[in-house]
Amino acid sequence: QVQLVESGGGLVQAGDSLRLSCAASGGTFSKYSLGWFRQAPGKEREFVAAISWSEDRTHYADSMKGRFTISRDNAKNTVYLRMNSLKPEDAAVYYCAAGYKVAASLQDTELGYNYWGQGTQVTVSS
């Protein structure tokens, strides 16, 4: 059983940067693929970024490429999401997720992940 706790959300202005963290406990962290998803009010949860369990391969939603960076620190059992040039439309609750050795074909879908954090709110003012 893996527990995930996100942190680092908050209120920022458009153009600012923010780094989200997600600390994991339980399980063998290095064997888990990790993802970030977000959900804005009235919208479905959407994929943001993922990082594989091996070789740290990363994958991003098209609208986040070049602005967001996902990384992991296996020694700290933590995954990060660095967000630059934030826009008002980036405002959402951001969730981290973990799945055991998620296949590449599933890394951008909720189906690939068994464990979810409680979410952290990101608000971007214009």
N, C-alpha and C. Protein backbone atom coordinates (compact mmCIF):
# COMPACT_ATOMS: atom_id res chain seq x y z
N GLN A 1 0.85 -1.19 0.00
CA GLN A 1 0.00 0.00 0.00
C GLN A 1 0.88 1.24 0.00
N VAL A 2 0.59 2.15 -0.90
CA VAL A 2 1.37 3.37 -1.03
C VAL A 2 0.51 4.55 -0.61
N GLN A 3 1.05 5.38 0.23
CA GLN A 3 0.38 6.62 0.61
C GLN A 3 1.13 7.79 -0.03
N LEU A 4 0.37 8.73 -0.55
CA LEU A 4 0.94 9.88 -1.25
C LEU A 4 0.41 11.17 -0.62
N VAL A 5 1.31 12.10 -0.38
CA VAL A 5 0.93 13.38 0.19
C VAL A 5 1.55 14.50 -0.62
N GLU A 6 0.69 15.30 -1.25
CA GLU A 6 1.16 16.42 -2.05
C GLU A 6 1.34 17.67 -1.18
N SER A 7 2.21 18.53 -1.64
CA SER A 7 2.40 19.83 -0.99
C SER A 7 2.96 20.81 -2.01
N GLY A 8 2.95 22.07 -1.66
CA GLY A 8 3.56 23.08 -2.50
C GLY A 8 2.58 23.94 -3.29
N GLY A 9 1.30 23.60 -3.22
CA GLY A 9 0.33 24.43 -3.91
C GLY A 9 0.16 25.78 -3.25
N GLY A 10 -0.54 26.66 -3.93
CA GLY A 10 -0.78 27.98 -3.36
C GLY A 10 -1.31 28.95 -4.39
N LEU A 11 -1.32 30.20 -4.01
CA LEU A 11 -1.78 31.28 -4.89
C LEU A 11 -0.58 31.99 -5.48
N VAL A 12 -0.53 32.06 -6.80
CA VAL A 12 0.55 32.75 -7.49
C VAL A 12 -0.04 33.64 -8.57
N GLN A 13 0.79 34.49 -9.12
CA GLN A 13 0.36 35.34 -10.22
C GLN A 13 0.75 34.70 -11.56
N ALA A 14 0.03 35.09 -12.59
CA ALA A 14 0.35 34.59 -13.92
C ALA A 14 1.81 34.91 -14.25
N GLY A 15 2.51 33.91 -14.81
CA GLY A 15 3.91 34.07 -15.12
C GLY A 15 4.85 33.55 -14.06
N ASP A 16 4.32 33.34 -12.87
CA ASP A 16 5.14 32.83 -11.76
C ASP A 16 5.43 31.34 -11.93
N SER A 17 6.31 30.85 -11.07
CA SER A 17 6.65 29.43 -11.04
C SER A 17 6.25 28.85 -9.70
N LEU A 18 6.09 27.54 -9.71
CA LEU A 18 5.72 26.82 -8.48
C LEU A 18 6.26 25.41 -8.59
N ARG A 19 6.68 24.84 -7.47
CA ARG A 19 7.10 23.46 -7.47
C ARG A 19 6.24 22.66 -6.50
N LEU A 20 5.60 21.68 -7.03
CA LEU A 20 4.81 20.76 -6.21
C LEU A 20 5.66 19.56 -5.83
N SER A 21 5.40 19.05 -4.65
CA SER A 21 6.08 17.85 -4.18
C SER A 21 5.05 16.81 -3.80
N CYS A 22 5.44 15.57 -3.91
CA CYS A 22 4.57 14.47 -3.50
C CYS A 22 5.44 13.44 -2.81
N ALA A 23 5.23 13.30 -1.52
CA ALA A 23 6.01 12.34 -0.74
C ALA A 23 5.26 11.03 -0.63
N ALA A 24 5.97 9.95 -0.87
CA ALA A 24 5.36 8.62 -0.83
C ALA A 24 5.88 7.83 0.35
N SER A 25 5.03 6.97 0.85
CA SER A 25 5.42 6.03 1.89
C SER A 25 4.76 4.69 1.60
N GLY A 26 5.42 3.62 2.04
CA GLY A 26 4.91 2.29 1.74
C GLY A 26 5.34 1.87 0.35
N GLY A 27 5.48 0.60 0.11
CA GLY A 27 5.89 0.13 -1.19
C GLY A 27 7.35 0.39 -1.49
N THR A 28 7.81 -0.06 -2.62
CA THR A 28 9.18 0.19 -3.07
C THR A 28 9.11 1.30 -4.10
N PHE A 29 9.41 2.49 -3.68
CA PHE A 29 9.18 3.69 -4.49
C PHE A 29 9.79 3.57 -5.87
N SER A 30 11.00 3.02 -5.94
CA SER A 30 11.71 2.96 -7.22
C SER A 30 11.02 2.08 -8.24
N LYS A 31 10.10 1.24 -7.82
CA LYS A 31 9.39 0.35 -8.73
C LYS A 31 8.08 0.96 -9.25
N TYR A 32 7.78 2.16 -8.81
CA TYR A 32 6.52 2.78 -9.18
C TYR A 32 6.71 3.88 -10.21
N SER A 33 5.87 3.84 -11.22
CA SER A 33 5.74 4.97 -12.12
C SER A 33 4.90 6.02 -11.42
N LEU A 34 5.17 7.26 -11.71
CA LEU A 34 4.50 8.35 -11.02
C LEU A 34 3.90 9.33 -12.01
N GLY A 35 2.77 9.86 -11.64
CA GLY A 35 2.12 10.81 -12.53
C GLY A 35 1.54 11.97 -11.77
N TRP A 36 1.33 13.04 -12.49
CA TRP A 36 0.60 14.21 -11.99
C TRP A 36 -0.62 14.41 -12.87
N PHE A 37 -1.74 14.64 -12.23
CA PHE A 37 -3.00 14.95 -12.90
C PHE A 37 -3.56 16.21 -12.26
N ARG A 38 -4.50 16.83 -12.93
CA ARG A 38 -5.13 18.01 -12.33
C ARG A 38 -6.60 18.05 -12.68
N GLN A 39 -7.35 18.73 -11.84
CA GLN A 39 -8.78 18.87 -12.06
C GLN A 39 -9.21 20.28 -11.71
N ALA A 40 -9.71 20.97 -12.70
CA ALA A 40 -10.25 22.31 -12.50
C ALA A 40 -11.74 22.21 -12.21
N PRO A 41 -12.31 23.22 -11.57
CA PRO A 41 -13.74 23.18 -11.25
C PRO A 41 -14.60 22.96 -12.49
N GLY A 42 -15.51 22.02 -12.41
CA GLY A 42 -16.41 21.75 -13.51
C GLY A 42 -15.82 20.97 -14.65
N LYS A 43 -14.57 20.54 -14.49
CA LYS A 43 -13.90 19.79 -15.56
C LYS A 43 -13.47 18.42 -15.06
N GLU A 44 -13.23 17.54 -15.99
CA GLU A 44 -12.72 16.23 -15.64
C GLU A 44 -11.24 16.31 -15.30
N ARG A 45 -10.81 15.33 -14.53
CA ARG A 45 -9.39 15.28 -14.21
C ARG A 45 -8.60 14.96 -15.47
N GLU A 46 -7.47 15.65 -15.64
CA GLU A 46 -6.69 15.47 -16.85
C GLU A 46 -5.23 15.16 -16.51
N PHE A 47 -4.60 14.49 -17.42
CA PHE A 47 -3.19 14.12 -17.28
C PHE A 47 -2.31 15.34 -17.45
N VAL A 48 -1.26 15.40 -16.63
CA VAL A 48 -0.29 16.49 -16.72
C VAL A 48 1.07 15.96 -17.15
N ALA A 49 1.62 15.03 -16.37
CA ALA A 49 2.96 14.53 -16.64
C ALA A 49 3.16 13.20 -15.94
N ALA A 50 4.10 12.42 -16.45
CA ALA A 50 4.42 11.14 -15.85
C ALA A 50 5.91 10.89 -15.96
N ILE A 51 6.41 10.08 -15.04
CA ILE A 51 7.81 9.67 -15.07
C ILE A 51 7.85 8.18 -14.78
N SER A 52 8.62 7.48 -15.59
CA SER A 52 8.63 6.02 -15.49
C SER A 52 9.41 5.55 -14.28
N TRP A 53 9.20 4.29 -13.96
CA TRP A 53 9.90 3.70 -12.82
C TRP A 53 11.35 3.39 -13.16
N SER A 54 11.65 3.15 -14.43
CA SER A 54 13.02 2.87 -14.84
C SER A 54 13.48 3.89 -15.86
N GLU A 55 14.70 4.28 -15.76
CA GLU A 55 15.34 5.21 -16.70
C GLU A 55 14.74 6.62 -16.64
N ASP A 56 13.81 6.84 -15.72
CA ASP A 56 13.22 8.18 -15.54
C ASP A 56 12.74 8.80 -16.85
N ARG A 57 12.10 8.00 -17.67
CA ARG A 57 11.52 8.56 -18.89
C ARG A 57 10.32 9.41 -18.52
N THR A 58 10.22 10.56 -19.17
CA THR A 58 9.13 11.49 -18.86
C THR A 58 8.18 11.63 -20.03
N HIS A 59 6.96 12.00 -19.70
CA HIS A 59 5.91 12.17 -20.71
C HIS A 59 5.01 13.29 -20.24
N TYR A 60 4.63 14.17 -21.15
CA TYR A 60 3.85 15.34 -20.79
C TYR A 60 2.62 15.48 -21.69
N ALA A 61 1.60 16.08 -21.11
CA ALA A 61 0.49 16.51 -21.93
C ALA A 61 0.99 17.64 -22.83
N ASP A 62 0.45 17.72 -24.02
CA ASP A 62 0.96 18.68 -25.00
C ASP A 62 0.96 20.11 -24.47
N SER A 63 -0.06 20.48 -23.75
CA SER A 63 -0.17 21.87 -23.30
C SER A 63 0.82 22.21 -22.19
N MET A 64 1.46 21.21 -21.61
CA MET A 64 2.42 21.43 -20.53
C MET A 64 3.87 21.33 -21.00
N LYS A 65 4.08 20.81 -22.19
CA LYS A 65 5.45 20.63 -22.67
C LYS A 65 6.18 21.96 -22.72
N GLY A 66 7.39 21.96 -22.20
CA GLY A 66 8.20 23.16 -22.20
C GLY A 66 7.97 24.06 -21.00
N ARG A 67 6.87 23.88 -20.29
CA ARG A 67 6.60 24.71 -19.10
C ARG A 67 6.70 23.91 -17.81
N PHE A 68 6.31 22.65 -17.87
CA PHE A 68 6.30 21.80 -16.68
C PHE A 68 7.41 20.77 -16.77
N THR A 69 7.97 20.42 -15.62
CA THR A 69 9.01 19.40 -15.55
C THR A 69 8.71 18.47 -14.39
N ILE A 70 8.63 17.20 -14.68
CA ILE A 70 8.45 16.20 -13.63
C ILE A 70 9.79 15.55 -13.35
N SER A 71 10.03 15.29 -12.09
CA SER A 71 11.27 14.63 -11.69
C SER A 71 11.00 13.81 -10.44
N ARG A 72 11.92 12.93 -10.13
CA ARG A 72 11.76 12.10 -8.95
C ARG A 72 13.08 11.95 -8.23
N ASP A 73 13.00 11.76 -6.93
CA ASP A 73 14.17 11.51 -6.11
C ASP A 73 13.87 10.24 -5.33
N ASN A 74 14.41 9.14 -5.80
CA ASN A 74 14.10 7.86 -5.17
C ASN A 74 14.66 7.78 -3.75
N ALA A 75 15.73 8.50 -3.49
CA ALA A 75 16.30 8.48 -2.14
C ALA A 75 15.37 9.16 -1.14
N LYS A 76 14.58 10.09 -1.62
CA LYS A 76 13.65 10.82 -0.75
C LYS A 76 12.20 10.35 -0.92
N ASN A 77 11.99 9.36 -1.80
CA ASN A 77 10.63 8.87 -2.06
C ASN A 77 9.69 10.01 -2.44
N THR A 78 10.18 10.87 -3.30
CA THR A 78 9.42 12.07 -3.63
C THR A 78 9.43 12.31 -5.13
N VAL A 79 8.30 12.75 -5.63
CA VAL A 79 8.19 13.18 -7.02
C VAL A 79 7.83 14.66 -7.02
N TYR A 80 8.36 15.36 -7.99
CA TYR A 80 8.17 16.81 -8.08
C TYR A 80 7.52 17.18 -9.41
N LEU A 81 6.87 18.34 -9.38
CA LEU A 81 6.37 18.93 -10.60
C LEU A 81 6.73 20.41 -10.56
N ARG A 82 7.67 20.77 -11.40
CA ARG A 82 8.06 22.16 -11.51
C ARG A 82 7.19 22.80 -12.60
N MET A 83 6.53 23.89 -12.25
CA MET A 83 5.63 24.56 -13.19
C MET A 83 6.11 25.99 -13.39
N ASN A 84 6.45 26.31 -14.62
CA ASN A 84 6.91 27.65 -14.97
C ASN A 84 5.86 28.36 -15.83
N SER A 85 5.98 29.67 -15.87
CA SER A 85 5.10 30.48 -16.73
C SER A 85 3.64 30.10 -16.53
N LEU A 86 3.22 30.09 -15.29
CA LEU A 86 1.86 29.65 -14.99
C LEU A 86 0.83 30.60 -15.58
N LYS A 87 -0.27 30.01 -16.01
CA LYS A 87 -1.37 30.74 -16.61
C LYS A 87 -2.62 30.54 -15.75
N PRO A 88 -3.57 31.45 -15.84
CA PRO A 88 -4.81 31.27 -15.08
C PRO A 88 -5.48 29.92 -15.36
N GLU A 89 -5.35 29.44 -16.57
CA GLU A 89 -5.98 28.16 -16.92
C GLU A 89 -5.26 26.95 -16.31
N ASP A 90 -4.11 27.18 -15.68
CA ASP A 90 -3.43 26.11 -14.96
C ASP A 90 -4.00 25.91 -13.56
N ALA A 91 -4.86 26.80 -13.14
CA ALA A 91 -5.44 26.69 -11.81
C ALA A 91 -6.28 25.42 -11.70
N ALA A 92 -6.01 24.65 -10.67
CA ALA A 92 -6.69 23.36 -10.50
C ALA A 92 -6.21 22.74 -9.20
N VAL A 93 -6.84 21.63 -8.85
CA VAL A 93 -6.29 20.77 -7.81
C VAL A 93 -5.38 19.77 -8.51
N TYR A 94 -4.16 19.72 -8.04
CA TYR A 94 -3.16 18.83 -8.64
C TYR A 94 -3.00 17.59 -7.77
N TYR A 95 -3.06 16.44 -8.43
CA TYR A 95 -2.97 15.16 -7.75
C TYR A 95 -1.74 14.41 -8.23
N CYS A 96 -1.03 13.77 -7.33
CA CYS A 96 -0.01 12.83 -7.76
C CYS A 96 -0.57 11.43 -7.66
N ALA A 97 -0.02 10.55 -8.46
CA ALA A 97 -0.50 9.19 -8.53
C ALA A 97 0.68 8.25 -8.71
N ALA A 98 0.52 7.03 -8.22
CA ALA A 98 1.57 6.02 -8.33
C ALA A 98 0.97 4.73 -8.85
N GLY A 99 1.71 4.08 -9.72
CA GLY A 99 1.31 2.78 -10.24
C GLY A 99 2.53 1.91 -10.38
N TYR A 100 2.37 0.62 -10.13
CA TYR A 100 3.51 -0.29 -10.17
C TYR A 100 3.90 -0.56 -11.62
N LYS A 101 5.08 -0.09 -12.00
CA LYS A 101 5.63 -0.35 -13.34
C LYS A 101 4.57 -0.14 -14.43
N VAL A 102 4.04 1.05 -14.49
CA VAL A 102 2.97 1.35 -15.44
C VAL A 102 3.48 1.25 -16.88
N ALA A 103 2.71 0.58 -17.72
CA ALA A 103 3.06 0.47 -19.14
C ALA A 103 2.98 1.85 -19.79
N ALA A 104 3.84 2.04 -20.77
CA ALA A 104 3.89 3.34 -21.44
C ALA A 104 2.53 3.71 -22.03
N SER A 105 1.79 2.73 -22.48
CA SER A 105 0.49 3.00 -23.09
C SER A 105 -0.55 3.49 -22.09
N LEU A 106 -0.28 3.31 -20.80
CA LEU A 106 -1.24 3.70 -19.78
C LEU A 106 -0.78 4.88 -18.93
N GLN A 107 0.41 5.37 -19.16
CA GLN A 107 0.99 6.36 -18.25
C GLN A 107 0.23 7.68 -18.25
N ASP A 108 -0.53 7.97 -19.30
CA ASP A 108 -1.28 9.22 -19.32
C ASP A 108 -2.76 9.01 -19.03
N THR A 109 -3.09 7.88 -18.44
CA THR A 109 -4.48 7.58 -18.10
C THR A 109 -4.60 7.27 -16.61
N GLU A 110 -5.75 7.57 -16.05
CA GLU A 110 -5.97 7.27 -14.64
C GLU A 110 -5.92 5.77 -14.38
N LEU A 111 -6.24 4.99 -15.40
CA LEU A 111 -6.26 3.53 -15.23
C LEU A 111 -4.90 2.98 -14.87
N GLY A 112 -3.84 3.70 -15.22
CA GLY A 112 -2.51 3.19 -14.97
C GLY A 112 -2.07 3.28 -13.52
N TYR A 113 -2.83 3.97 -12.69
CA TYR A 113 -2.38 4.29 -11.35
C TYR A 113 -3.33 3.76 -10.29
N ASN A 114 -2.75 3.15 -9.27
CA ASN A 114 -3.54 2.55 -8.21
C ASN A 114 -3.68 3.45 -6.99
N TYR A 115 -2.73 4.34 -6.82
CA TYR A 115 -2.67 5.13 -5.60
C TYR A 115 -2.68 6.61 -5.94
N TRP A 116 -3.43 7.35 -5.14
CA TRP A 116 -3.62 8.77 -5.39
C TRP A 116 -3.45 9.56 -4.09
N GLY A 117 -2.92 10.76 -4.25
CA GLY A 117 -2.86 11.66 -3.12
C GLY A 117 -4.17 12.42 -2.98
N GLN A 118 -4.22 13.27 -1.98
CA GLN A 118 -5.45 14.01 -1.69
C GLN A 118 -5.56 15.29 -2.52
N GLY A 119 -4.47 15.67 -3.15
CA GLY A 119 -4.49 16.85 -4.01
C GLY A 119 -4.00 18.10 -3.30
N THR A 120 -3.47 19.02 -4.10
CA THR A 120 -3.05 20.32 -3.59
C THR A 120 -3.55 21.39 -4.55
N GLN A 121 -4.08 22.46 -4.00
CA GLN A 121 -4.72 23.50 -4.81
C GLN A 121 -3.68 24.46 -5.36
N VAL A 122 -3.79 24.72 -6.64
CA VAL A 122 -2.98 25.76 -7.29
C VAL A 122 -3.94 26.79 -7.86
N THR A 123 -3.74 28.03 -7.46
CA THR A 123 -4.56 29.14 -7.94
C THR A 123 -3.66 30.14 -8.62
N VAL A 124 -4.03 30.57 -9.82
CA VAL A 124 -3.22 31.50 -10.59
C VAL A 124 -4.05 32.73 -10.89
N SER A 125 -3.62 33.87 -10.39
CA SER A 125 -4.34 35.11 -10.63
C SER A 125 -3.78 35.80 -11.87
N SER A 126 -4.65 36.46 -12.59
CA SER A 126 -4.23 37.14 -13.83
C SER A 126 -3.79 38.55 -13.56
